[in-house]
Amino acid sequence: MKIRLTVEGQTATATLYDNATARDFASLLPLSLTLEDYDVIERVSRLPRKLSTQGAPEGMQPMAGELTHYAPWSNLAIFTEPRAYARSLLPLGKVDEGLPILARPGPYQVRIERVTP
């Protein structure tokens, strides 16, 4: 599934992975969130609820542009740089275009919605 992330009129696009956590995230869309800086290399926001962890790995090593769910805090995390393996970090998708739009310093508002084919 393709999604659009809009920040101040600029658009990034991403593809969600085919897993239970990503499908649960997609069920929340459209969604408006405030992204904040966390540890310099990621932008995070609390989601309205915890997402499914059915069949999810114990953790992952995210790459730049990866959309993830940090299960213990119920956060969406978008990585602007790669990071070492982290437990309870679950894969949601990957930014296809526009990562610099999301890499700007926070806080800022983002609107996330499905892209209809």
PDB file of N, CA and C in Angstrom:
ATOM      1  N   MET A   1       0.839  -1.178   0.000  1.00  0.00           N
ATOM      2  CA  MET A   1       0.000   0.000   0.000  1.00  0.00           C
ATOM      3  C   MET A   1       0.882   1.238   0.000  1.00  0.00           C
ATOM      4  N   LYS A   2       0.550   2.182  -0.840  1.00  0.00           N
ATOM      5  CA  LYS A   2       1.254   3.460  -0.914  1.00  0.00           C
ATOM      6  C   LYS A   2       0.567   4.463   0.005  1.00  0.00           C
ATOM      7  N   ILE A   3       1.399   5.279   0.687  1.00  0.00           N
ATOM      8  CA  ILE A   3       0.865   6.343   1.531  1.00  0.00           C
ATOM      9  C   ILE A   3       1.559   7.656   1.182  1.00  0.00           C
ATOM     10  N   ARG A   4       0.886   8.735   1.533  1.00  0.00           N
ATOM     11  CA  ARG A   4       1.411  10.081   1.318  1.00  0.00           C
ATOM     12  C   ARG A   4       1.570  10.738   2.678  1.00  0.00           C
ATOM     13  N   LEU A   5       2.717  11.397   2.896  1.00  0.00           N
ATOM     14  CA  LEU A   5       2.986  12.130   4.128  1.00  0.00           C
ATOM     15  C   LEU A   5       3.190  13.584   3.739  1.00  0.00           C
ATOM     16  N   THR A   6       2.318  14.474   4.214  1.00  0.00           N
ATOM     17  CA  THR A   6       2.341  15.863   3.800  1.00  0.00           C
ATOM     18  C   THR A   6       2.751  16.746   4.968  1.00  0.00           C
ATOM     19  N   VAL A   7       3.766  17.588   4.720  1.00  0.00           N
ATOM     20  CA  VAL A   7       4.288  18.527   5.709  1.00  0.00           C
ATOM     21  C   VAL A   7       4.344  19.899   5.055  1.00  0.00           C
ATOM     22  N   GLU A   8       3.556  20.839   5.569  1.00  0.00           N
ATOM     23  CA  GLU A   8       3.549  22.223   5.060  1.00  0.00           C
ATOM     24  C   GLU A   8       3.471  22.275   3.537  1.00  0.00           C
ATOM     25  N   GLY A   9       2.572  21.494   2.954  1.00  0.00           N
ATOM     26  CA  GLY A   9       2.351  21.510   1.512  1.00  0.00           C
ATOM     27  C   GLY A   9       3.339  20.689   0.707  1.00  0.00           C
ATOM     28  N   GLN A  10       4.369  20.137   1.338  1.00  0.00           N
ATOM     29  CA  GLN A  10       5.330  19.280   0.653  1.00  0.00           C
ATOM     30  C   GLN A  10       4.978  17.826   0.918  1.00  0.00           C
ATOM     31  N   THR A  11       5.211  16.969  -0.081  1.00  0.00           N
ATOM     32  CA  THR A  11       4.759  15.589   0.022  1.00  0.00           C
ATOM     33  C   THR A  11       5.907  14.594  -0.112  1.00  0.00           C
ATOM     34  N   ALA A  12       5.890  13.618   0.788  1.00  0.00           N
ATOM     35  CA  ALA A  12       6.755  12.438   0.693  1.00  0.00           C
ATOM     36  C   ALA A  12       5.833  11.247   0.453  1.00  0.00           C
ATOM     37  N   THR A  13       6.349  10.226  -0.197  1.00  0.00           N
ATOM     38  CA  THR A  13       5.564   9.009  -0.402  1.00  0.00           C
ATOM     39  C   THR A  13       6.310   7.828   0.210  1.00  0.00           C
ATOM     40  N   ALA A  14       5.542   6.831   0.608  1.00  0.00           N
ATOM     41  CA  ALA A  14       6.112   5.627   1.211  1.00  0.00           C
ATOM     42  C   ALA A  14       5.274   4.428   0.819  1.00  0.00           C
ATOM     43  N   THR A  15       5.866   3.260   0.958  1.00  0.00           N
ATOM     44  CA  THR A  15       5.181   1.995   0.728  1.00  0.00           C
ATOM     45  C   THR A  15       5.154   1.239   2.043  1.00  0.00           C
ATOM     46  N   LEU A  16       3.956   0.830   2.462  1.00  0.00           N
ATOM     47  CA  LEU A  16       3.838   0.028   3.673  1.00  0.00           C
ATOM     48  C   LEU A  16       4.154  -1.427   3.341  1.00  0.00           C
ATOM     49  N   TYR A  17       4.793  -2.106   4.290  1.00  0.00           N
ATOM     50  CA  TYR A  17       5.098  -3.523   4.131  1.00  0.00           C
ATOM     51  C   TYR A  17       3.817  -4.347   4.300  1.00  0.00           C
ATOM     52  N   ASP A  18       3.875  -5.584   3.867  1.00  0.00           N
ATOM     53  CA  ASP A  18       2.735  -6.491   3.995  1.00  0.00           C
ATOM     54  C   ASP A  18       2.910  -7.320   5.268  1.00  0.00           C
ATOM     55  N   ASN A  19       2.545  -6.717   6.403  1.00  0.00           N
ATOM     56  CA  ASN A  19       2.582  -7.441   7.674  1.00  0.00           C
ATOM     57  C   ASN A  19       1.435  -6.923   8.549  1.00  0.00           C
ATOM     58  N   ALA A  20       1.134  -7.638   9.614  1.00  0.00           N
ATOM     59  CA  ALA A  20      -0.018  -7.294  10.463  1.00  0.00           C
ATOM     60  C   ALA A  20       0.123  -5.922  11.097  1.00  0.00           C
ATOM     61  N   THR A  21       1.333  -5.544  11.490  1.00  0.00           N
ATOM     62  CA  THR A  21       1.537  -4.246  12.126  1.00  0.00           C
ATOM     63  C   THR A  21       1.276  -3.119  11.132  1.00  0.00           C
ATOM     64  N   ALA A  22       1.788  -3.255   9.921  1.00  0.00           N
ATOM     65  CA  ALA A  22       1.578  -2.232   8.895  1.00  0.00           C
ATOM     66  C   ALA A  22       0.110  -2.148   8.484  1.00  0.00           C
ATOM     67  N   ARG A  23      -0.562  -3.293   8.372  1.00  0.00           N
ATOM     68  CA  ARG A  23      -1.992  -3.265   8.025  1.00  0.00           C
ATOM     69  C   ARG A  23      -2.794  -2.578   9.126  1.00  0.00           C
ATOM     70  N   ASP A  24      -2.431  -2.813  10.385  1.00  0.00           N
ATOM     71  CA  ASP A  24      -3.117  -2.161  11.495  1.00  0.00           C
ATOM     72  C   ASP A  24      -2.863  -0.656  11.456  1.00  0.00           C
ATOM     73  N   PHE A  25      -1.639  -0.258  11.149  1.00  0.00           N
ATOM     74  CA  PHE A  25      -1.326   1.166  10.993  1.00  0.00           C
ATOM     75  C   PHE A  25      -2.191   1.775   9.889  1.00  0.00           C
ATOM     76  N   ALA A  26      -2.294   1.090   8.761  1.00  0.00           N
ATOM     77  CA  ALA A  26      -3.096   1.587   7.633  1.00  0.00           C
ATOM     78  C   ALA A  26      -4.553   1.779   8.028  1.00  0.00           C
ATOM     79  N   SER A  27      -5.044   0.970   8.965  1.00  0.00           N
ATOM     80  CA  SER A  27      -6.444   1.103   9.397  1.00  0.00           C
ATOM     81  C   SER A  27      -6.692   2.413  10.146  1.00  0.00           C
ATOM     82  N   LEU A  28      -5.639   3.065  10.614  1.00  0.00           N
ATOM     83  CA  LEU A  28      -5.774   4.341  11.322  1.00  0.00           C
ATOM     84  C   LEU A  28      -5.854   5.541  10.377  1.00  0.00           C
ATOM     85  N   LEU A  29      -5.495   5.332   9.118  1.00  0.00           N
ATOM     86  CA  LEU A  29      -5.406   6.443   8.164  1.00  0.00           C
ATOM     87  C   LEU A  29      -6.767   6.885   7.677  1.00  0.00           C
ATOM     88  N   PRO A  30      -6.936   8.177   7.396  1.00  0.00           N
ATOM     89  CA  PRO A  30      -5.958   9.262   7.480  1.00  0.00           C
ATOM     90  C   PRO A  30      -5.674   9.656   8.932  1.00  0.00           C
ATOM     91  N   LEU A  31      -4.492  10.228   9.130  1.00  0.00           N
ATOM     92  CA  LEU A  31      -4.016  10.528  10.467  1.00  0.00           C
ATOM     93  C   LEU A  31      -3.203  11.817  10.431  1.00  0.00           C
ATOM     94  N   SER A  32      -3.432  12.696  11.381  1.00  0.00           N
ATOM     95  CA  SER A  32      -2.621  13.911  11.542  1.00  0.00           C
ATOM     96  C   SER A  32      -1.853  13.781  12.846  1.00  0.00           C
ATOM     97  N   LEU A  33      -0.534  13.946  12.771  1.00  0.00           N
ATOM     98  CA  LEU A  33       0.329  13.772  13.928  1.00  0.00           C
ATOM     99  C   LEU A  33       1.330  14.925  14.030  1.00  0.00           C
ATOM    100  N   THR A  34       1.884  15.105  15.204  1.00  0.00           N
ATOM    101  CA  THR A  34       3.009  16.012  15.394  1.00  0.00           C
ATOM    102  C   THR A  34       4.256  15.172  15.564  1.00  0.00           C
ATOM    103  N   LEU A  35       5.202  15.333  14.633  1.00  0.00           N
ATOM    104  CA  LEU A  35       6.464  14.601  14.714  1.00  0.00           C
ATOM    105  C   LEU A  35       7.482  15.438  15.466  1.00  0.00           C
ATOM    106  N   GLU A  36       8.195  14.790  16.368  1.00  0.00           N
ATOM    107  CA  GLU A  36       9.230  15.446  17.157  1.00  0.00           C
ATOM    108  C   GLU A  36      10.541  14.711  16.962  1.00  0.00           C
ATOM    109  N   ASP A  37      11.652  15.411  17.204  1.00  0.00           N
ATOM    110  CA  ASP A  37      12.973  14.791  17.110  1.00  0.00           C
ATOM    111  C   ASP A  37      13.171  13.833  18.276  1.00  0.00           C
ATOM    112  N   TYR A  38      13.815  12.720  17.984  1.00  0.00           N
ATOM    113  CA  TYR A  38      14.217  11.787  19.032  1.00  0.00           C
ATOM    114  C   TYR A  38      15.589  11.249  18.660  1.00  0.00           C
ATOM    115  N   ASP A  39      16.535  11.437  19.512  1.00  0.00           N
ATOM    116  CA  ASP A  39      17.892  10.915  19.335  1.00  0.00           C
ATOM    117  C   ASP A  39      18.492  11.341  17.996  1.00  0.00           C
ATOM    118  N   VAL A  40      18.182  12.510  17.528  1.00  0.00           N
ATOM    119  CA  VAL A  40      18.698  13.139  16.309  1.00  0.00           C
ATOM    120  C   VAL A  40      18.339  12.391  15.022  1.00  0.00           C
ATOM    121  N   ILE A  41      18.295  11.062  15.040  1.00  0.00           N
ATOM    122  CA  ILE A  41      18.165  10.284  13.801  1.00  0.00           C
ATOM    123  C   ILE A  41      16.755   9.792  13.515  1.00  0.00           C
ATOM    124  N   GLU A  42      15.784  10.181  14.340  1.00  0.00           N
ATOM    125  CA  GLU A  42      14.416   9.746  14.069  1.00  0.00           C
ATOM    126  C   GLU A  42      13.412  10.826  14.446  1.00  0.00           C
ATOM    127  N   ARG A  43      12.257  10.757  13.784  1.00  0.00           N
ATOM    128  CA  ARG A  43      11.133  11.637  14.095  1.00  0.00           C
ATOM    129  C   ARG A  43      10.034  10.730  14.615  1.00  0.00           C
ATOM    130  N   VAL A  44       9.458  11.096  15.753  1.00  0.00           N
ATOM    131  CA  VAL A  44       8.499  10.213  16.416  1.00  0.00           C
ATOM    132  C   VAL A  44       7.211  10.943  16.775  1.00  0.00           C
ATOM    133  N   SER A  45       6.154  10.158  16.914  1.00  0.00           N
ATOM    134  CA  SER A  45       4.870  10.656  17.396  1.00  0.00           C
ATOM    135  C   SER A  45       4.104   9.493  18.010  1.00  0.00           C
ATOM    136  N   ARG A  46       3.372   9.774  19.067  1.00  0.00           N
ATOM    137  CA  ARG A  46       2.525   8.754  19.688  1.00  0.00           C
ATOM    138  C   ARG A  46       1.318   8.504  18.776  1.00  0.00           C
ATOM    139  N   LEU A  47       1.008   7.234  18.593  1.00  0.00           N
ATOM    140  CA  LEU A  47      -0.172   6.848  17.816  1.00  0.00           C
ATOM    141  C   LEU A  47      -1.394   6.789  18.731  1.00  0.00           C
ATOM    142  N   PRO A  48      -2.595   6.838  18.157  1.00  0.00           N
ATOM    143  CA  PRO A  48      -3.808   6.812  18.981  1.00  0.00           C
ATOM    144  C   PRO A  48      -3.984   5.525  19.796  1.00  0.00           C
ATOM    145  N   ARG A  49      -3.349   4.445  19.344  1.00  0.00           N
ATOM    146  CA  ARG A  49      -3.448   3.172  20.072  1.00  0.00           C
ATOM    147  C   ARG A  49      -2.274   2.289  19.674  1.00  0.00           C
ATOM    148  N   LYS A  50      -2.068   1.232  20.471  1.00  0.00           N
ATOM    149  CA  LYS A  50      -1.029   0.254  20.130  1.00  0.00           C
ATOM    150  C   LYS A  50      -1.435  -0.489  18.871  1.00  0.00           C
ATOM    151  N   LEU A  51      -0.446  -0.902  18.104  1.00  0.00           N
ATOM    152  CA  LEU A  51      -0.692  -1.654  16.879  1.00  0.00           C
ATOM    153  C   LEU A  51      -0.489  -3.142  17.119  1.00  0.00           C
ATOM    154  N   SER A  52      -1.041  -3.935  16.248  1.00  0.00           N
ATOM    155  CA  SER A  52      -0.877  -5.384  16.316  1.00  0.00           C
ATOM    156  C   SER A  52       0.602  -5.754  16.228  1.00  0.00           C
ATOM    157  N   THR A  53       0.995  -6.740  17.020  1.00  0.00           N
ATOM    158  CA  THR A  53       2.363  -7.273  16.949  1.00  0.00           C
ATOM    159  C   THR A  53       2.342  -8.729  16.483  1.00  0.00           C
ATOM    160  N   GLN A  54       1.201  -9.172  15.984  1.00  0.00           N
ATOM    161  CA  GLN A  54       1.054 -10.562  15.531  1.00  0.00           C
ATOM    162  C   GLN A  54       2.067 -10.877  14.431  1.00  0.00           C
ATOM    163  N   GLY A  55       2.869 -11.899  14.649  1.00  0.00           N
ATOM    164  CA  GLY A  55       3.846 -12.330  13.658  1.00  0.00           C
ATOM    165  C   GLY A  55       5.033 -11.399  13.495  1.00  0.00           C
ATOM    166  N   ALA A  56       5.153 -10.388  14.349  1.00  0.00           N
ATOM    167  CA  ALA A  56       6.225  -9.391  14.219  1.00  0.00           C
ATOM    168  C   ALA A  56       7.552  -9.956  14.737  1.00  0.00           C
ATOM    169  N   PRO A  57       8.657  -9.470  14.188  1.00  0.00           N
ATOM    170  CA  PRO A  57       9.953  -9.876  14.710  1.00  0.00           C
ATOM    171  C   PRO A  57      10.173  -9.275  16.103  1.00  0.00           C
ATOM    172  N   GLU A  58      11.190  -9.754  16.810  1.00  0.00           N
ATOM    173  CA  GLU A  58      11.489  -9.216  18.146  1.00  0.00           C
ATOM    174  C   GLU A  58      12.040  -7.803  18.067  1.00  0.00           C
ATOM    175  N   GLY A  59      12.559  -7.423  16.928  1.00  0.00           N
ATOM    176  CA  GLY A  59      13.136  -6.094  16.739  1.00  0.00           C
ATOM    177  C   GLY A  59      13.701  -5.997  15.339  1.00  0.00           C
ATOM    178  N   MET A  60      14.421  -4.903  15.066  1.00  0.00           N
ATOM    179  CA  MET A  60      14.978  -4.709  13.731  1.00  0.00           C
ATOM    180  C   MET A  60      16.115  -3.702  13.779  1.00  0.00           C
ATOM    181  N   GLN A  61      16.862  -3.636  12.688  1.00  0.00           N
ATOM    182  CA  GLN A  61      17.912  -2.648  12.495  1.00  0.00           C
ATOM    183  C   GLN A  61      17.449  -1.738  11.361  1.00  0.00           C
ATOM    184  N   PRO A  62      16.859  -0.580  11.689  1.00  0.00           N
ATOM    185  CA  PRO A  62      16.269   0.268  10.650  1.00  0.00           C
ATOM    186  C   PRO A  62      17.306   0.991   9.800  1.00  0.00           C
ATOM    187  N   MET A  63      16.940   1.201   8.558  1.00  0.00           N
ATOM    188  CA  MET A  63      17.737   1.976   7.607  1.00  0.00           C
ATOM    189  C   MET A  63      17.137   3.370   7.502  1.00  0.00           C
ATOM    190  N   ALA A  64      17.847   4.292   6.905  1.00  0.00           N
ATOM    191  CA  ALA A  64      17.313   5.636   6.661  1.00  0.00           C
ATOM    192  C   ALA A  64      16.052   5.513   5.811  1.00  0.00           C
ATOM    193  N   GLY A  65      15.014   6.223   6.205  1.00  0.00           N
ATOM    194  CA  GLY A  65      13.756   6.200   5.463  1.00  0.00           C
ATOM    195  C   GLY A  65      12.772   5.151   5.931  1.00  0.00           C
ATOM    196  N   GLU A  66      13.148   4.357   6.902  1.00  0.00           N
ATOM    197  CA  GLU A  66      12.261   3.290   7.371  1.00  0.00           C
ATOM    198  C   GLU A  66      11.201   3.849   8.326  1.00  0.00           C
ATOM    199  N   LEU A  67       9.944   3.450   8.111  1.00  0.00           N
ATOM    200  CA  LEU A  67       8.849   3.750   9.030  1.00  0.00           C
ATOM    201  C   LEU A  67       8.703   2.555   9.957  1.00  0.00           C
ATOM    202  N   THR A  68       8.631   2.825  11.269  1.00  0.00           N
ATOM    203  CA  THR A  68       8.590   1.746  12.243  1.00  0.00           C
ATOM    204  C   THR A  68       7.568   2.051  13.339  1.00  0.00           C
ATOM    205  N   HIS A  69       7.288   1.025  14.108  1.00  0.00           N
ATOM    206  CA  HIS A  69       6.425   1.159  15.285  1.00  0.00           C
ATOM    207  C   HIS A  69       7.236   0.698  16.485  1.00  0.00           C
ATOM    208  N   TYR A  70       7.401   1.593  17.468  1.00  0.00           N
ATOM    209  CA  TYR A  70       8.054   1.187  18.708  1.00  0.00           C
ATOM    210  C   TYR A  70       6.939   0.774  19.652  1.00  0.00           C
ATOM    211  N   ALA A  71       6.750  -0.532  19.778  1.00  0.00           N
ATOM    212  CA  ALA A  71       5.593  -1.094  20.476  1.00  0.00           C
ATOM    213  C   ALA A  71       5.448  -0.657  21.934  1.00  0.00           C
ATOM    214  N   PRO A  72       6.523  -0.618  22.753  1.00  0.00           N
ATOM    215  CA  PRO A  72       6.319  -0.263  24.165  1.00  0.00           C
ATOM    216  C   PRO A  72       5.721   1.137  24.380  1.00  0.00           C
ATOM    217  N   TRP A  73       6.044   2.069  23.506  1.00  0.00           N
ATOM    218  CA  TRP A  73       5.547   3.446  23.660  1.00  0.00           C
ATOM    219  C   TRP A  73       4.408   3.763  22.706  1.00  0.00           C
ATOM    220  N   SER A  74       4.022   2.829  21.860  1.00  0.00           N
ATOM    221  CA  SER A  74       2.973   3.039  20.869  1.00  0.00           C
ATOM    222  C   SER A  74       3.305   4.212  19.942  1.00  0.00           C
ATOM    223  N   ASN A  75       4.554   4.272  19.495  1.00  0.00           N
ATOM    224  CA  ASN A  75       5.029   5.372  18.654  1.00  0.00           C
ATOM    225  C   ASN A  75       5.190   4.963  17.202  1.00  0.00           C
ATOM    226  N   LEU A  76       4.973   5.938  16.330  1.00  0.00           N
ATOM    227  CA  LEU A  76       5.454   5.871  14.966  1.00  0.00           C
ATOM    228  C   LEU A  76       6.846   6.484  15.010  1.00  0.00           C
ATOM    229  N   ALA A  77       7.827   5.840  14.398  1.00  0.00           N
ATOM    230  CA  ALA A  77       9.177   6.392  14.304  1.00  0.00           C
ATOM    231  C   ALA A  77       9.621   6.330  12.848  1.00  0.00           C
ATOM    232  N   ILE A  78      10.074   7.471  12.328  1.00  0.00           N
ATOM    233  CA  ILE A  78      10.599   7.550  10.967  1.00  0.00           C
ATOM    234  C   ILE A  78      12.089   7.839  11.094  1.00  0.00           C
ATOM    235  N   PHE A  79      12.895   6.942  10.568  1.00  0.00           N
ATOM    236  CA  PHE A  79      14.346   7.090  10.706  1.00  0.00           C
ATOM    237  C   PHE A  79      14.919   7.917   9.566  1.00  0.00           C
ATOM    238  N   THR A  80      15.729   8.913   9.918  1.00  0.00           N
ATOM    239  CA  THR A  80      16.384   9.762   8.929  1.00  0.00           C
ATOM    240  C   THR A  80      17.811   9.292   8.668  1.00  0.00           C
ATOM    241  N   GLU A  81      18.318   8.416   9.527  1.00  0.00           N
ATOM    242  CA  GLU A  81      19.631   7.792   9.384  1.00  0.00           C
ATOM    243  C   GLU A  81      19.505   6.355   9.893  1.00  0.00           C
ATOM    244  N   PRO A  82      20.436   5.486   9.491  1.00  0.00           N
ATOM    245  CA  PRO A  82      20.372   4.112   9.997  1.00  0.00           C
ATOM    246  C   PRO A  82      20.653   4.056  11.498  1.00  0.00           C
ATOM    247  N   ARG A  83      20.258   2.958  12.104  1.00  0.00           N
ATOM    248  CA  ARG A  83      20.445   2.774  13.538  1.00  0.00           C
ATOM    249  C   ARG A  83      20.777   1.311  13.828  1.00  0.00           C
ATOM    250  N   ALA A  84      21.400   1.082  14.947  1.00  0.00           N
ATOM    251  CA  ALA A  84      21.699  -0.284  15.386  1.00  0.00           C
ATOM    252  C   ALA A  84      20.387  -1.014  15.708  1.00  0.00           C
ATOM    253  N   TYR A  85      20.462  -2.326  15.784  1.00  0.00           N
ATOM    254  CA  TYR A  85      19.317  -3.159  16.124  1.00  0.00           C
ATOM    255  C   TYR A  85      18.663  -2.678  17.418  1.00  0.00           C
ATOM    256  N   ALA A  86      17.333  -2.655  17.429  1.00  0.00           N
ATOM    257  CA  ALA A  86      16.581  -2.272  18.630  1.00  0.00           C
ATOM    258  C   ALA A  86      15.440  -3.265  18.838  1.00  0.00           C
ATOM    259  N   ARG A  87      15.332  -3.783  20.048  1.00  0.00           N
ATOM    260  CA  ARG A  87      14.217  -4.673  20.402  1.00  0.00           C
ATOM    261  C   ARG A  87      12.912  -3.872  20.398  1.00  0.00           C
ATOM    262  N   SER A  88      11.837  -4.540  20.070  1.00  0.00           N
ATOM    263  CA  SER A  88      10.476  -3.979  20.079  1.00  0.00           C
ATOM    264  C   SER A  88      10.248  -2.908  19.019  1.00  0.00           C
ATOM    265  N   LEU A  89      11.191  -2.731  18.101  1.00  0.00           N
ATOM    266  CA  LEU A  89      11.017  -1.832  16.961  1.00  0.00           C
ATOM    267  C   LEU A  89      10.524  -2.687  15.803  1.00  0.00           C
ATOM    268  N   LEU A  90       9.342  -2.350  15.270  1.00  0.00           N
ATOM    269  CA  LEU A  90       8.681  -3.205  14.281  1.00  0.00           C
ATOM    270  C   LEU A  90       8.569  -2.498  12.933  1.00  0.00           C
ATOM    271  N   PRO A  91       8.807  -3.198  11.835  1.00  0.00           N
ATOM    272  CA  PRO A  91       8.778  -2.589  10.509  1.00  0.00           C
ATOM    273  C   PRO A  91       7.365  -2.261  10.030  1.00  0.00           C
ATOM    274  N   LEU A  92       7.207  -1.040   9.508  1.00  0.00           N
ATOM    275  CA  LEU A  92       5.931  -0.612   8.922  1.00  0.00           C
ATOM    276  C   LEU A  92       6.047  -0.364   7.424  1.00  0.00           C
ATOM    277  N   GLY A  93       7.143   0.268   6.997  1.00  0.00           N
ATOM    278  CA  GLY A  93       7.276   0.611   5.587  1.00  0.00           C
ATOM    279  C   GLY A  93       8.544   1.375   5.328  1.00  0.00           C
ATOM    280  N   LYS A  94       8.661   1.916   4.110  1.00  0.00           N
ATOM    281  CA  LYS A  94       9.871   2.608   3.683  1.00  0.00           C
ATOM    282  C   LYS A  94       9.488   3.814   2.835  1.00  0.00           C
ATOM    283  N   VAL A  95      10.141   4.948   3.097  1.00  0.00           N
ATOM    284  CA  VAL A  95       9.925   6.159   2.302  1.00  0.00           C
ATOM    285  C   VAL A  95      10.488   5.920   0.903  1.00  0.00           C
ATOM    286  N   ASP A  96       9.666   6.181  -0.111  1.00  0.00           N
ATOM    287  CA  ASP A  96      10.092   6.040  -1.507  1.00  0.00           C
ATOM    288  C   ASP A  96      10.714   7.330  -2.020  1.00  0.00           C
ATOM    289  N   GLU A  97      10.064   8.447  -1.709  1.00  0.00           N
ATOM    290  CA  GLU A  97      10.524   9.772  -2.151  1.00  0.00           C
ATOM    291  C   GLU A  97      10.210  10.793  -1.069  1.00  0.00           C
ATOM    292  N   GLY A  98      11.117  11.778  -0.920  1.00  0.00           N
ATOM    293  CA  GLY A  98      10.829  12.903  -0.033  1.00  0.00           C
ATOM    294  C   GLY A  98      11.352  12.787   1.383  1.00  0.00           C
ATOM    295  N   LEU A  99      12.342  11.932   1.624  1.00  0.00           N
ATOM    296  CA  LEU A  99      12.861  11.809   2.984  1.00  0.00           C
ATOM    297  C   LEU A  99      13.336  13.158   3.554  1.00  0.00           C
ATOM    298  N   PRO A 100      13.971  14.044   2.766  1.00  0.00           N
ATOM    299  CA  PRO A 100      14.389  15.337   3.335  1.00  0.00           C
ATOM    300  C   PRO A 100      13.227  16.152   3.927  1.00  0.00           C
ATOM    301  N   ILE A 101      12.027  15.977   3.391  1.00  0.00           N
ATOM    302  CA  ILE A 101      10.855  16.668   3.932  1.00  0.00           C
ATOM    303  C   ILE A 101      10.579  16.198   5.359  1.00  0.00           C
ATOM    304  N   LEU A 102      10.793  14.918   5.613  1.00  0.00           N
ATOM    305  CA  LEU A 102      10.539  14.336   6.930  1.00  0.00           C
ATOM    306  C   LEU A 102      11.743  14.461   7.863  1.00  0.00           C
ATOM    307  N   ALA A 103      12.926  14.729   7.312  1.00  0.00           N
ATOM    308  CA  ALA A 103      14.155  14.813   8.104  1.00  0.00           C
ATOM    309  C   ALA A 103      14.345  16.183   8.742  1.00  0.00           C
ATOM    310  N   ARG A 104      13.492  17.149   8.422  1.00  0.00           N
ATOM    311  CA  ARG A 104      13.633  18.489   9.008  1.00  0.00           C
ATOM    312  C   ARG A 104      13.474  18.404  10.522  1.00  0.00           C
ATOM    313  N   PRO A 105      14.072  19.335  11.235  1.00  0.00           N
ATOM    314  CA  PRO A 105      13.923  19.326  12.704  1.00  0.00           C
ATOM    315  C   PRO A 105      12.468  19.522  13.109  1.00  0.00           C
ATOM    316  N   GLY A 106      12.048  18.809  14.129  1.00  0.00           N
ATOM    317  CA  GLY A 106      10.681  18.932  14.646  1.00  0.00           C
ATOM    318  C   GLY A 106      10.647  19.928  15.772  1.00  0.00           C
ATOM    319  N   PRO A 107       9.484  20.160  16.302  1.00  0.00           N
ATOM    320  CA  PRO A 107       8.218  19.512  15.956  1.00  0.00           C
ATOM    321  C   PRO A 107       7.564  20.136  14.720  1.00  0.00           C
ATOM    322  N   TYR A 108       6.825  19.295  14.006  1.00  0.00           N
ATOM    323  CA  TYR A 108       6.029  19.750  12.877  1.00  0.00           C
ATOM    324  C   TYR A 108       4.857  18.800  12.684  1.00  0.00           C
ATOM    325  N   GLN A 109       3.835  19.306  12.008  1.00  0.00           N
ATOM    326  CA  GLN A 109       2.633  18.525  11.729  1.00  0.00           C
ATOM    327  C   GLN A 109       2.811  17.730  10.438  1.00  0.00           C
ATOM    328  N   VAL A 110       2.318  16.494  10.453  1.00  0.00           N
ATOM    329  CA  VAL A 110       2.312  15.665   9.257  1.00  0.00           C
ATOM    330  C   VAL A 110       0.923  15.047   9.099  1.00  0.00           C
ATOM    331  N   ARG A 111       0.463  15.014   7.883  1.00  0.00           N
ATOM    332  CA  ARG A 111      -0.799  14.351   7.532  1.00  0.00           C
ATOM    333  C   ARG A 111      -0.431  13.103   6.747  1.00  0.00           C
ATOM    334  N   ILE A 112      -0.918  11.949   7.203  1.00  0.00           N
ATOM    335  CA  ILE A 112      -0.606  10.678   6.565  1.00  0.00           C
ATOM    336  C   ILE A 112      -1.905  10.089   6.025  1.00  0.00           C
ATOM    337  N   GLU A 113      -1.903   9.747   4.736  1.00  0.00           N
ATOM    338  CA  GLU A 113      -3.110   9.196   4.128  1.00  0.00           C
ATOM    339  C   GLU A 113      -2.741   8.198   3.036  1.00  0.00           C
ATOM    340  N   ARG A 114      -3.706   7.340   2.743  1.00  0.00           N
ATOM    341  CA  ARG A 114      -3.518   6.368   1.667  1.00  0.00           C
ATOM    342  C   ARG A 114      -3.491   7.085   0.326  1.00  0.00           C
ATOM    343  N   VAL A 115      -2.724   6.519  -0.600  1.00  0.00           N
ATOM    344  CA  VAL A 115      -2.732   6.994  -1.974  1.00  0.00           C
ATOM    345  C   VAL A 115      -3.642   6.045  -2.738  1.00  0.00           C
ATOM    346  N   THR A 116      -4.714   6.574  -3.287  1.00  0.00           N
ATOM    347  CA  THR A 116      -5.634   5.723  -4.019  1.00  0.00           C
ATOM    348  C   THR A 116      -5.098   5.503  -5.433  1.00  0.00           C
ATOM    349  N   PRO A 117      -5.120   4.238  -5.877  1.00  0.00           N
ATOM    350  CA  PRO A 117      -4.572   3.922  -7.219  1.00  0.00           C
ATOM    351  C   PRO A 117      -5.385   4.517  -8.333  1.00  0.00           C
TER     352      PRO A 117
END
